[in-house]
Amino acid sequence: MALTRKARMTFGTILEAASEHRLCLVECEDRKTGKKVSVICETWQDNGNIMMNPLGKLFSGSPYNEVTPPGMSAPKLI
């Protein structure tokens, strides 16, 4: 299964921000559920203000229970 262009671009942004020490982990609120979620963000400064761009959410539980890698059968829940 091929990655989307947007996924490849976001991953590139994560790698670039990490190499420049511009990543942070932010606790946000999921708009649909209202639950707190951990989000990886890139940061930069604009006129002295710290700006953030959300790039990805972290798993709230065991990732092995939430995703199945390509080409594998679904594992047993942990």
N, C-alpha and C. Protein backbone atom coordinates (compact mmCIF):
# COMPACT_ATOMS: atom_id res chain seq x y z
N MET A 1 0.85 -1.17 0.00
CA MET A 1 0.00 0.00 0.00
C MET A 1 0.90 1.24 0.00
N ALA A 2 0.67 2.12 -0.91
CA ALA A 2 1.49 3.32 -1.04
C ALA A 2 1.02 4.41 -0.07
N LEU A 3 1.97 5.13 0.47
CA LEU A 3 1.65 6.26 1.32
C LEU A 3 1.12 7.40 0.47
N THR A 4 0.25 8.19 1.04
CA THR A 4 -0.26 9.34 0.31
C THR A 4 0.83 10.42 0.23
N ARG A 5 0.67 11.31 -0.72
CA ARG A 5 1.63 12.42 -0.87
C ARG A 5 1.65 13.27 0.40
N LYS A 6 0.46 13.52 0.97
CA LYS A 6 0.37 14.31 2.18
C LYS A 6 1.11 13.64 3.34
N ALA A 7 0.98 12.32 3.47
CA ALA A 7 1.67 11.59 4.54
C ALA A 7 3.19 11.70 4.37
N ARG A 8 3.67 11.57 3.15
CA ARG A 8 5.12 11.69 2.89
C ARG A 8 5.61 13.10 3.21
N MET A 9 4.80 14.12 2.85
CA MET A 9 5.19 15.51 3.12
C MET A 9 5.21 15.77 4.63
N THR A 10 4.21 15.27 5.34
CA THR A 10 4.17 15.46 6.79
C THR A 10 5.34 14.78 7.46
N PHE A 11 5.68 13.58 7.02
CA PHE A 11 6.83 12.87 7.59
C PHE A 11 8.11 13.66 7.33
N GLY A 12 8.25 14.21 6.13
CA GLY A 12 9.41 15.05 5.83
C GLY A 12 9.48 16.27 6.73
N THR A 13 8.33 16.86 7.01
CA THR A 13 8.28 18.01 7.91
C THR A 13 8.71 17.61 9.32
N ILE A 14 8.26 16.44 9.77
CA ILE A 14 8.66 15.94 11.09
C ILE A 14 10.17 15.76 11.15
N LEU A 15 10.74 15.13 10.13
CA LEU A 15 12.19 14.90 10.11
C LEU A 15 12.96 16.22 10.11
N GLU A 16 12.52 17.17 9.30
CA GLU A 16 13.19 18.46 9.23
C GLU A 16 13.09 19.21 10.56
N ALA A 17 11.90 19.25 11.15
CA ALA A 17 11.71 19.94 12.43
C ALA A 17 12.52 19.27 13.53
N ALA A 18 12.61 17.96 13.50
CA ALA A 18 13.41 17.24 14.51
C ALA A 18 14.88 17.57 14.37
N SER A 19 15.38 17.62 13.15
CA SER A 19 16.80 17.92 12.94
C SER A 19 17.14 19.35 13.37
N GLU A 20 16.13 20.22 13.37
CA GLU A 20 16.33 21.62 13.76
C GLU A 20 15.87 21.89 15.20
N HIS A 21 15.54 20.83 15.93
CA HIS A 21 15.08 20.93 17.34
C HIS A 21 13.87 21.83 17.47
N ARG A 22 12.91 21.66 16.55
CA ARG A 22 11.69 22.47 16.56
C ARG A 22 10.44 21.62 16.74
N LEU A 23 10.57 20.48 17.43
CA LEU A 23 9.41 19.64 17.71
C LEU A 23 9.01 19.78 19.16
N CYS A 24 7.72 19.65 19.44
CA CYS A 24 7.26 19.62 20.82
C CYS A 24 6.08 18.67 20.91
N LEU A 25 5.78 18.28 22.12
CA LEU A 25 4.63 17.43 22.40
C LEU A 25 3.63 18.28 23.17
N VAL A 26 2.40 18.38 22.65
CA VAL A 26 1.39 19.26 23.22
C VAL A 26 0.16 18.44 23.58
N GLU A 27 -0.40 18.71 24.76
CA GLU A 27 -1.66 18.07 25.13
C GLU A 27 -2.80 18.93 24.57
N CYS A 28 -3.58 18.34 23.68
CA CYS A 28 -4.69 19.04 23.03
C CYS A 28 -6.00 18.34 23.37
N GLU A 29 -7.09 18.88 22.85
CA GLU A 29 -8.40 18.27 23.05
C GLU A 29 -8.93 17.82 21.70
N ASP A 30 -9.36 16.58 21.63
CA ASP A 30 -9.97 16.05 20.41
C ASP A 30 -11.31 16.74 20.20
N ARG A 31 -11.50 17.34 19.03
CA ARG A 31 -12.74 18.10 18.76
C ARG A 31 -13.98 17.22 18.74
N LYS A 32 -13.84 15.96 18.34
CA LYS A 32 -15.00 15.07 18.25
C LYS A 32 -15.38 14.49 19.61
N THR A 33 -14.38 14.08 20.39
CA THR A 33 -14.67 13.38 21.65
C THR A 33 -14.51 14.25 22.89
N GLY A 34 -13.73 15.34 22.78
CA GLY A 34 -13.44 16.17 23.95
C GLY A 34 -12.36 15.61 24.84
N LYS A 35 -11.83 14.42 24.48
CA LYS A 35 -10.77 13.79 25.28
C LYS A 35 -9.43 14.44 24.99
N LYS A 36 -8.54 14.38 25.98
CA LYS A 36 -7.19 14.91 25.80
C LYS A 36 -6.38 13.96 24.92
N VAL A 37 -5.61 14.53 24.01
CA VAL A 37 -4.74 13.75 23.12
C VAL A 37 -3.36 14.39 23.09
N SER A 38 -2.35 13.57 22.93
CA SER A 38 -0.97 14.06 22.80
C SER A 38 -0.67 14.25 21.32
N VAL A 39 -0.18 15.45 20.97
CA VAL A 39 0.03 15.81 19.57
C VAL A 39 1.48 16.25 19.36
N ILE A 40 2.11 15.72 18.31
CA ILE A 40 3.45 16.15 17.91
C ILE A 40 3.29 17.39 17.05
N CYS A 41 3.96 18.48 17.43
CA CYS A 41 3.87 19.74 16.69
C CYS A 41 5.24 20.24 16.31
N GLU A 42 5.32 20.92 15.16
CA GLU A 42 6.53 21.68 14.83
C GLU A 42 6.30 23.09 15.36
N THR A 43 7.37 23.77 15.71
CA THR A 43 7.26 25.12 16.23
C THR A 43 8.15 26.07 15.44
N TRP A 44 7.79 27.36 15.49
CA TRP A 44 8.61 28.43 14.92
C TRP A 44 8.18 29.73 15.57
N GLN A 45 8.99 30.75 15.38
CA GLN A 45 8.65 32.06 15.94
C GLN A 45 8.20 33.00 14.82
N ASP A 46 7.17 33.79 15.14
CA ASP A 46 6.65 34.79 14.21
C ASP A 46 6.42 36.07 15.01
N ASN A 47 7.27 37.07 14.77
CA ASN A 47 7.18 38.34 15.51
C ASN A 47 7.19 38.13 17.02
N GLY A 48 8.04 37.23 17.49
CA GLY A 48 8.16 36.98 18.92
C GLY A 48 7.14 36.02 19.49
N ASN A 49 6.16 35.62 18.69
CA ASN A 49 5.15 34.65 19.13
C ASN A 49 5.58 33.24 18.73
N ILE A 50 5.38 32.28 19.62
CA ILE A 50 5.66 30.89 19.28
C ILE A 50 4.45 30.31 18.57
N MET A 51 4.66 29.81 17.38
CA MET A 51 3.60 29.23 16.56
C MET A 51 3.78 27.71 16.55
N MET A 52 2.67 26.99 16.39
CA MET A 52 2.71 25.52 16.35
C MET A 52 1.87 25.00 15.21
N ASN A 53 2.36 23.94 14.60
CA ASN A 53 1.66 23.25 13.53
C ASN A 53 1.52 21.79 13.94
N PRO A 54 0.29 21.30 14.18
CA PRO A 54 0.13 19.90 14.57
C PRO A 54 0.47 18.98 13.40
N LEU A 55 1.25 17.93 13.70
CA LEU A 55 1.69 17.01 12.66
C LEU A 55 1.17 15.59 12.83
N GLY A 56 0.94 15.19 14.07
CA GLY A 56 0.45 13.83 14.29
C GLY A 56 0.02 13.61 15.72
N LYS A 57 -0.92 12.68 15.91
CA LYS A 57 -1.38 12.32 17.24
C LYS A 57 -0.67 11.04 17.67
N LEU A 58 -0.39 10.94 18.95
CA LEU A 58 0.18 9.72 19.50
C LEU A 58 -0.94 8.77 19.89
N PHE A 59 -0.64 7.50 19.92
CA PHE A 59 -1.62 6.51 20.35
C PHE A 59 -1.95 6.72 21.82
N SER A 60 -3.21 6.56 22.17
CA SER A 60 -3.60 6.71 23.56
C SER A 60 -3.44 5.40 24.32
N GLY A 61 -3.49 4.30 23.62
CA GLY A 61 -3.33 2.98 24.22
C GLY A 61 -2.19 2.25 23.54
N SER A 62 -2.28 0.96 23.52
CA SER A 62 -1.26 0.15 22.86
C SER A 62 -1.45 0.22 21.34
N PRO A 63 -0.42 0.67 20.61
CA PRO A 63 -0.57 0.73 19.16
C PRO A 63 -0.81 -0.64 18.54
N TYR A 64 -0.37 -1.70 19.22
CA TYR A 64 -0.57 -3.05 18.70
C TYR A 64 -2.05 -3.42 18.70
N ASN A 65 -2.85 -2.73 19.52
CA ASN A 65 -4.29 -2.98 19.55
C ASN A 65 -5.05 -2.09 18.58
N GLU A 66 -4.38 -1.09 18.01
CA GLU A 66 -5.07 -0.12 17.17
C GLU A 66 -4.76 -0.24 15.69
N VAL A 67 -3.61 -0.78 15.32
CA VAL A 67 -3.24 -0.88 13.91
C VAL A 67 -2.64 -2.25 13.61
N THR A 68 -2.73 -2.64 12.34
CA THR A 68 -2.11 -3.86 11.86
C THR A 68 -1.16 -3.48 10.72
N PRO A 69 0.13 -3.83 10.84
CA PRO A 69 1.09 -3.50 9.77
C PRO A 69 0.68 -4.17 8.45
N PRO A 70 1.07 -3.57 7.32
CA PRO A 70 0.72 -4.16 6.02
C PRO A 70 1.31 -5.56 5.88
N GLY A 71 0.52 -6.45 5.31
CA GLY A 71 0.99 -7.81 5.05
C GLY A 71 0.92 -8.74 6.24
N MET A 72 0.38 -8.26 7.36
CA MET A 72 0.28 -9.13 8.56
C MET A 72 -1.19 -9.32 8.91
N SER A 73 -1.47 -10.45 9.55
CA SER A 73 -2.82 -10.64 10.05
C SER A 73 -2.96 -9.88 11.35
N ALA A 74 -4.17 -9.57 11.73
CA ALA A 74 -4.40 -8.80 12.96
C ALA A 74 -3.89 -9.59 14.16
N PRO A 75 -3.04 -8.97 14.99
CA PRO A 75 -2.52 -9.65 16.19
C PRO A 75 -3.59 -9.71 17.27
N LYS A 76 -3.34 -10.56 18.24
CA LYS A 76 -4.24 -10.63 19.39
C LYS A 76 -4.10 -9.35 20.20
N LEU A 77 -5.19 -8.91 20.80
CA LEU A 77 -5.16 -7.72 21.63
C LEU A 77 -4.34 -7.97 22.87
N ILE A 78 -3.57 -6.96 23.27
CA ILE A 78 -2.70 -7.08 24.45
C ILE A 78 -3.45 -6.61 25.67
